[in-house]
Amino acid sequence: MTVARMYAAVFLQEGDCMRKRRFTVRDMTIIGVSAALVVLCTMFLKVQGPTGMIHFGSAALFTVAAVFGGVYAALAGALGSLIFDLLGGQLSYTIWSFFIKGIAGLVAGSIACGMLPGSRPNTGRRFSRVLLGCLAGMVVTAVGYFFAWWQVIGDVRVAFANIYMYSLPTSIIGTITACALAVPLYRALDKSGFFKKN
């Protein structure tokens, strides 16, 4: 069986599980808390970088993705970024952020540990998968915001510059943070039986 077929089989199996599984109040609570974490880390948790202020919104998103999977991260990233843009008055980017962060969370989470918590046992324990998921999320974010800035600002050179000044530094910080936190957090939750409850 080729690698492509193996991945296809995994995603088909997960898709079948998703169709059979109903979201519970517990699921929605975790997604809501994760979305709030994305908002708070984007709005308040910042450090001064060489190209400007760097927020930790991507760190929260990538960590949620690596621990809870693509579906939780997609909803948390989409809703969290939407709320942040609305609160910050950045209405021109609201829809862009909703889809960009949602897709980034979905891609990062599905690679790191599957679509849903515990859907691929033990994958969340692997640093390599977390790193690969975060890097994929970084690419989605950079490409998405390049088109967002190009569309909103109307200058392709400024869009490229913003990728270097804002998107990449934020995603790099997010990747480092997620790689440091996600694996031990996943292991702690797994040991506590968290994933067996879903």
C-alpha atoms as a PDB file:
ATOM      1  CA  MET A   1       0.000   0.000   0.000  1.00  0.00           C
ATOM      2  CA  THR A   2       1.423   3.379  -0.949  1.00  0.00           C
ATOM      3  CA  VAL A   3       1.755   6.285   1.493  1.00  0.00           C
ATOM      4  CA  ALA A   4      -1.019   8.149  -0.327  1.00  0.00           C
ATOM      5  CA  ARG A   5      -3.374   5.201   0.028  1.00  0.00           C
ATOM      6  CA  MET A   6      -2.499   4.851   3.698  1.00  0.00           C
ATOM      7  CA  TYR A   7      -3.366   8.505   4.369  1.00  0.00           C
ATOM      8  CA  ALA A   8      -6.531   8.204   2.294  1.00  0.00           C
ATOM      9  CA  ALA A   9      -7.624   5.205   4.339  1.00  0.00           C
ATOM     10  CA  VAL A  10      -6.972   7.054   7.587  1.00  0.00           C
ATOM     11  CA  PHE A  11      -8.971  10.122   6.533  1.00  0.00           C
ATOM     12  CA  LEU A  12     -11.838   7.993   5.222  1.00  0.00           C
ATOM     13  CA  GLN A  13     -11.950   6.120   8.509  1.00  0.00           C
ATOM     14  CA  GLU A  14     -11.935   9.382  10.467  1.00  0.00           C
ATOM     15  CA  GLY A  15     -14.631  10.790   8.222  1.00  0.00           C
ATOM     16  CA  ASP A  16     -16.800   7.776   8.965  1.00  0.00           C
ATOM     17  CA  CYS A  17     -16.236   8.292  12.702  1.00  0.00           C
ATOM     18  CA  MET A  18     -17.206  11.957  12.390  1.00  0.00           C
ATOM     19  CA  ARG A  19     -20.451  11.073  10.638  1.00  0.00           C
ATOM     20  CA  LYS A  20     -21.341   8.658  13.443  1.00  0.00           C
ATOM     21  CA  ARG A  21     -20.293  10.978  16.268  1.00  0.00           C
ATOM     22  CA  ARG A  22     -22.421  13.812  17.582  1.00  0.00           C
ATOM     23  CA  PHE A  23     -20.923  16.870  19.176  1.00  0.00           C
ATOM     24  CA  THR A  24     -21.673  17.065  22.876  1.00  0.00           C
ATOM     25  CA  VAL A  25     -21.833  19.944  25.341  1.00  0.00           C
ATOM     26  CA  ARG A  26     -18.333  18.900  26.394  1.00  0.00           C
ATOM     27  CA  ASP A  27     -17.078  19.289  22.835  1.00  0.00           C
ATOM     28  CA  MET A  28     -18.641  22.720  22.466  1.00  0.00           C
ATOM     29  CA  THR A  29     -17.244  23.815  25.824  1.00  0.00           C
ATOM     30  CA  ILE A  30     -13.701  22.842  24.844  1.00  0.00           C
ATOM     31  CA  ILE A  31     -14.073  24.572  21.472  1.00  0.00           C
ATOM     32  CA  GLY A  32     -15.459  27.698  23.156  1.00  0.00           C
ATOM     33  CA  VAL A  33     -12.625  27.831  25.684  1.00  0.00           C
ATOM     34  CA  SER A  34     -10.095  27.255  22.881  1.00  0.00           C
ATOM     35  CA  ALA A  35     -11.611  30.078  20.801  1.00  0.00           C
ATOM     36  CA  ALA A  36     -11.445  32.385  23.831  1.00  0.00           C
ATOM     37  CA  LEU A  37      -7.798  31.401  24.304  1.00  0.00           C
ATOM     38  CA  VAL A  38      -7.060  32.358  20.682  1.00  0.00           C
ATOM     39  CA  VAL A  39      -8.716  35.752  21.219  1.00  0.00           C
ATOM     40  CA  LEU A  40      -6.906  36.471  24.490  1.00  0.00           C
ATOM     41  CA  CYS A  41      -3.488  35.354  23.233  1.00  0.00           C
ATOM     42  CA  THR A  42      -3.888  37.433  20.069  1.00  0.00           C
ATOM     43  CA  MET A  43      -5.085  40.508  21.916  1.00  0.00           C
ATOM     44  CA  PHE A  44      -3.019  40.575  25.093  1.00  0.00           C
ATOM     45  CA  LEU A  45      -0.069  38.183  24.919  1.00  0.00           C
ATOM     46  CA  LYS A  46       2.564  39.921  22.793  1.00  0.00           C
ATOM     47  CA  VAL A  47       6.335  40.348  22.625  1.00  0.00           C
ATOM     48  CA  GLN A  48       8.484  42.836  20.777  1.00  0.00           C
ATOM     49  CA  GLY A  49      10.132  41.207  17.775  1.00  0.00           C
ATOM     50  CA  PRO A  50      12.718  42.477  15.292  1.00  0.00           C
ATOM     51  CA  THR A  51       9.974  43.458  12.836  1.00  0.00           C
ATOM     52  CA  GLY A  52       7.307  44.611  15.311  1.00  0.00           C
ATOM     53  CA  MET A  53       4.930  43.221  17.915  1.00  0.00           C
ATOM     54  CA  ILE A  54       4.385  39.462  17.745  1.00  0.00           C
ATOM     55  CA  HIS A  55       1.206  38.017  19.241  1.00  0.00           C
ATOM     56  CA  PHE A  56       0.656  34.481  20.535  1.00  0.00           C
ATOM     57  CA  GLY A  57      -2.642  33.799  18.778  1.00  0.00           C
ATOM     58  CA  SER A  58      -1.006  31.296  16.432  1.00  0.00           C
ATOM     59  CA  ALA A  59       0.672  29.652  19.432  1.00  0.00           C
ATOM     60  CA  ALA A  60      -2.744  29.048  20.977  1.00  0.00           C
ATOM     61  CA  LEU A  61      -4.183  27.807  17.683  1.00  0.00           C
ATOM     62  CA  PHE A  62      -1.323  25.423  16.908  1.00  0.00           C
ATOM     63  CA  THR A  63      -1.326  24.047  20.453  1.00  0.00           C
ATOM     64  CA  VAL A  64      -5.068  23.369  20.304  1.00  0.00           C
ATOM     65  CA  ALA A  65      -4.574  21.760  16.888  1.00  0.00           C
ATOM     66  CA  ALA A  66      -1.783  19.475  18.085  1.00  0.00           C
ATOM     67  CA  VAL A  67      -3.669  18.369  21.202  1.00  0.00           C
ATOM     68  CA  PHE A  68      -7.313  18.216  20.138  1.00  0.00           C
ATOM     69  CA  GLY A  69      -7.148  17.721  16.361  1.00  0.00           C
ATOM     70  CA  GLY A  70      -8.298  19.450  13.220  1.00  0.00           C
ATOM     71  CA  VAL A  71     -12.018  19.915  13.880  1.00  0.00           C
ATOM     72  CA  TYR A  72     -11.610  21.555  17.285  1.00  0.00           C
ATOM     73  CA  ALA A  73      -8.765  23.740  16.003  1.00  0.00           C
ATOM     74  CA  ALA A  74     -10.654  24.758  12.859  1.00  0.00           C
ATOM     75  CA  LEU A  75     -13.644  25.983  14.852  1.00  0.00           C
ATOM     76  CA  ALA A  76     -11.517  27.578  17.581  1.00  0.00           C
ATOM     77  CA  GLY A  77      -9.282  29.340  15.050  1.00  0.00           C
ATOM     78  CA  ALA A  78     -12.141  30.537  12.864  1.00  0.00           C
ATOM     79  CA  LEU A  79     -14.308  31.810  15.714  1.00  0.00           C
ATOM     80  CA  GLY A  80     -11.406  33.193  17.759  1.00  0.00           C
ATOM     81  CA  SER A  81      -9.960  35.161  14.850  1.00  0.00           C
ATOM     82  CA  LEU A  82     -13.413  36.392  13.831  1.00  0.00           C
ATOM     83  CA  ILE A  83     -14.108  37.679  17.337  1.00  0.00           C
ATOM     84  CA  PHE A  84     -10.687  39.320  17.581  1.00  0.00           C
ATOM     85  CA  ASP A  85     -11.126  41.168  14.296  1.00  0.00           C
ATOM     86  CA  LEU A  86     -14.619  42.324  15.286  1.00  0.00           C
ATOM     87  CA  LEU A  87     -13.437  43.539  18.685  1.00  0.00           C
ATOM     88  CA  GLY A  88     -10.412  45.233  17.133  1.00  0.00           C
ATOM     89  CA  GLY A  89     -12.436  46.967  14.442  1.00  0.00           C
ATOM     90  CA  GLN A  90     -10.587  45.191  11.628  1.00  0.00           C
ATOM     91  CA  LEU A  91     -13.748  44.483   9.685  1.00  0.00           C
ATOM     92  CA  SER A  92     -11.946  44.284   6.330  1.00  0.00           C
ATOM     93  CA  TYR A  93     -10.132  41.157   7.525  1.00  0.00           C
ATOM     94  CA  THR A  94     -12.961  39.454   9.420  1.00  0.00           C
ATOM     95  CA  ILE A  95     -14.044  36.987   6.744  1.00  0.00           C
ATOM     96  CA  TRP A  96     -10.462  36.444   5.608  1.00  0.00           C
ATOM     97  CA  SER A  97      -9.354  35.558   9.137  1.00  0.00           C
ATOM     98  CA  PHE A  98     -12.335  33.284   9.671  1.00  0.00           C
ATOM     99  CA  PHE A  99     -11.382  31.080   6.725  1.00  0.00           C
ATOM    100  CA  ILE A 100      -7.584  31.396   6.937  1.00  0.00           C
ATOM    101  CA  LYS A 101      -7.320  30.505  10.614  1.00  0.00           C
ATOM    102  CA  GLY A 102     -10.030  27.887  10.304  1.00  0.00           C
ATOM    103  CA  ILE A 103      -8.236  26.116   7.466  1.00  0.00           C
ATOM    104  CA  ALA A 104      -4.853  26.504   9.195  1.00  0.00           C
ATOM    105  CA  GLY A 105      -6.241  24.861  12.338  1.00  0.00           C
ATOM    106  CA  LEU A 106      -7.847  22.072  10.339  1.00  0.00           C
ATOM    107  CA  VAL A 107      -4.656  21.321   8.398  1.00  0.00           C
ATOM    108  CA  ALA A 108      -2.319  21.581  11.410  1.00  0.00           C
ATOM    109  CA  GLY A 109      -4.537  19.469  13.634  1.00  0.00           C
ATOM    110  CA  SER A 110      -5.309  16.746  11.109  1.00  0.00           C
ATOM    111  CA  ILE A 111      -1.597  16.255  10.461  1.00  0.00           C
ATOM    112  CA  ALA A 112      -0.538  16.477  14.109  1.00  0.00           C
ATOM    113  CA  CYS A 113      -3.056  14.125  15.696  1.00  0.00           C
ATOM    114  CA  GLY A 114      -6.109  13.547  13.514  1.00  0.00           C
ATOM    115  CA  MET A 115      -9.464  15.208  12.980  1.00  0.00           C
ATOM    116  CA  LEU A 116     -10.859  14.617  16.476  1.00  0.00           C
ATOM    117  CA  PRO A 117      -9.303  14.055  19.929  1.00  0.00           C
ATOM    118  CA  GLY A 118      -7.921  10.553  20.140  1.00  0.00           C
ATOM    119  CA  SER A 119      -8.924   9.662  16.564  1.00  0.00           C
ATOM    120  CA  ARG A 120      -5.351   8.564  15.870  1.00  0.00           C
ATOM    121  CA  PRO A 121      -4.012   7.101  19.125  1.00  0.00           C
ATOM    122  CA  ASN A 122      -0.492   8.161  20.149  1.00  0.00           C
ATOM    123  CA  THR A 123       0.123  10.449  17.142  1.00  0.00           C
ATOM    124  CA  GLY A 124      -0.120  13.484  19.428  1.00  0.00           C
ATOM    125  CA  ARG A 125       2.834  12.084  21.354  1.00  0.00           C
ATOM    126  CA  ARG A 126       5.139  12.522  18.389  1.00  0.00           C
ATOM    127  CA  PHE A 127       7.106  15.732  18.160  1.00  0.00           C
ATOM    128  CA  SER A 128       7.719  15.229  14.430  1.00  0.00           C
ATOM    129  CA  ARG A 129       3.999  15.170  13.644  1.00  0.00           C
ATOM    130  CA  VAL A 130       3.349  18.270  15.735  1.00  0.00           C
ATOM    131  CA  LEU A 131       6.168  20.107  13.962  1.00  0.00           C
ATOM    132  CA  LEU A 132       4.935  19.028  10.526  1.00  0.00           C
ATOM    133  CA  GLY A 133       1.385  20.086  11.353  1.00  0.00           C
ATOM    134  CA  CYS A 134       2.523  23.503  12.584  1.00  0.00           C
ATOM    135  CA  LEU A 135       4.668  24.053   9.486  1.00  0.00           C
ATOM    136  CA  ALA A 136       1.710  23.196   7.261  1.00  0.00           C
ATOM    137  CA  GLY A 137      -0.459  25.608   9.253  1.00  0.00           C
ATOM    138  CA  MET A 138       2.230  28.248   8.855  1.00  0.00           C
ATOM    139  CA  VAL A 139       2.153  27.883   5.067  1.00  0.00           C
ATOM    140  CA  VAL A 140      -1.651  28.124   4.983  1.00  0.00           C
ATOM    141  CA  THR A 141      -1.555  31.243   7.142  1.00  0.00           C
ATOM    142  CA  ALA A 142       1.170  32.950   5.111  1.00  0.00           C
ATOM    143  CA  VAL A 143      -0.472  32.250   1.748  1.00  0.00           C
ATOM    144  CA  GLY A 144      -3.919  33.182   3.023  1.00  0.00           C
ATOM    145  CA  TYR A 145      -2.878  36.485   4.538  1.00  0.00           C
ATOM    146  CA  PHE A 146      -0.796  37.359   1.503  1.00  0.00           C
ATOM    147  CA  PHE A 147      -3.984  37.346  -0.556  1.00  0.00           C
ATOM    148  CA  ALA A 148      -5.901  39.074   2.235  1.00  0.00           C
ATOM    149  CA  TRP A 149      -3.409  41.938   2.438  1.00  0.00           C
ATOM    150  CA  TRP A 150      -3.168  42.161  -1.324  1.00  0.00           C
ATOM    151  CA  GLN A 151      -6.943  42.377  -1.621  1.00  0.00           C
ATOM    152  CA  VAL A 152      -7.499  44.831   1.255  1.00  0.00           C
ATOM    153  CA  ILE A 153      -4.428  47.052   0.783  1.00  0.00           C
ATOM    154  CA  GLY A 154      -4.187  46.704  -2.979  1.00  0.00           C
ATOM    155  CA  ASP A 155      -0.389  46.508  -3.119  1.00  0.00           C
ATOM    156  CA  VAL A 156       1.353  43.185  -3.737  1.00  0.00           C
ATOM    157  CA  ARG A 157       4.689  44.519  -2.434  1.00  0.00           C
ATOM    158  CA  VAL A 158       3.142  45.502   0.889  1.00  0.00           C
ATOM    159  CA  ALA A 159       1.471  42.094   1.088  1.00  0.00           C
ATOM    160  CA  PHE A 160       4.849  40.369   0.644  1.00  0.00           C
ATOM    161  CA  ALA A 161       6.454  42.671   3.213  1.00  0.00           C
ATOM    162  CA  ASN A 162       3.710  41.931   5.748  1.00  0.00           C
ATOM    163  CA  ILE A 163       4.332  38.207   5.393  1.00  0.00           C
ATOM    164  CA  TYR A 164       7.934  38.771   6.460  1.00  0.00           C
ATOM    165  CA  MET A 165       7.145  41.341   9.164  1.00  0.00           C
ATOM    166  CA  TYR A 166       4.040  39.860  10.769  1.00  0.00           C
ATOM    167  CA  SER A 167       2.839  36.463   9.520  1.00  0.00           C
ATOM    168  CA  LEU A 168       6.083  34.478   9.593  1.00  0.00           C
ATOM    169  CA  PRO A 169       7.356  35.735  12.997  1.00  0.00           C
ATOM    170  CA  THR A 170       3.958  35.064  14.592  1.00  0.00           C
ATOM    171  CA  SER A 171       3.766  31.579  13.059  1.00  0.00           C
ATOM    172  CA  ILE A 172       7.358  30.771  14.063  1.00  0.00           C
ATOM    173  CA  ILE A 173       6.641  31.752  17.676  1.00  0.00           C
ATOM    174  CA  GLY A 174       3.446  29.720  17.454  1.00  0.00           C
ATOM    175  CA  THR A 175       5.288  26.668  16.162  1.00  0.00           C
ATOM    176  CA  ILE A 176       7.968  26.850  18.855  1.00  0.00           C
ATOM    177  CA  THR A 177       5.353  27.255  21.584  1.00  0.00           C
ATOM    178  CA  ALA A 178       3.165  24.432  20.296  1.00  0.00           C
ATOM    179  CA  CYS A 179       6.121  22.072  19.926  1.00  0.00           C
ATOM    180  CA  ALA A 180       7.134  22.817  23.516  1.00  0.00           C
ATOM    181  CA  LEU A 181       3.655  22.498  25.058  1.00  0.00           C
ATOM    182  CA  ALA A 182       1.582  20.154  22.916  1.00  0.00           C
ATOM    183  CA  VAL A 183       3.341  16.821  23.431  1.00  0.00           C
ATOM    184  CA  PRO A 184       3.532  16.959  27.259  1.00  0.00           C
ATOM    185  CA  LEU A 185      -0.022  18.339  27.416  1.00  0.00           C
ATOM    186  CA  TYR A 186      -1.294  15.579  25.114  1.00  0.00           C
ATOM    187  CA  ARG A 187       0.457  12.931  27.200  1.00  0.00           C
ATOM    188  CA  ALA A 188      -0.978  14.330  30.443  1.00  0.00           C
ATOM    189  CA  LEU A 189      -4.519  14.377  29.047  1.00  0.00           C
ATOM    190  CA  ASP A 190      -4.098  10.902  27.556  1.00  0.00           C
ATOM    191  CA  LYS A 191      -2.839   9.550  30.872  1.00  0.00           C
ATOM    192  CA  SER A 192      -5.836  11.071  32.642  1.00  0.00           C
ATOM    193  CA  GLY A 193      -8.202   9.244  30.288  1.00  0.00           C
ATOM    194  CA  PHE A 194      -9.440  12.424  28.611  1.00  0.00           C
ATOM    195  CA  PHE A 195      -9.455  11.036  25.081  1.00  0.00           C
ATOM    196  CA  LYS A 196     -11.300   7.866  26.072  1.00  0.00           C
ATOM    197  CA  LYS A 197     -14.258   9.980  27.203  1.00  0.00           C
ATOM    198  CA  ASN A 198     -14.918  11.270  23.678  1.00  0.00           C
END
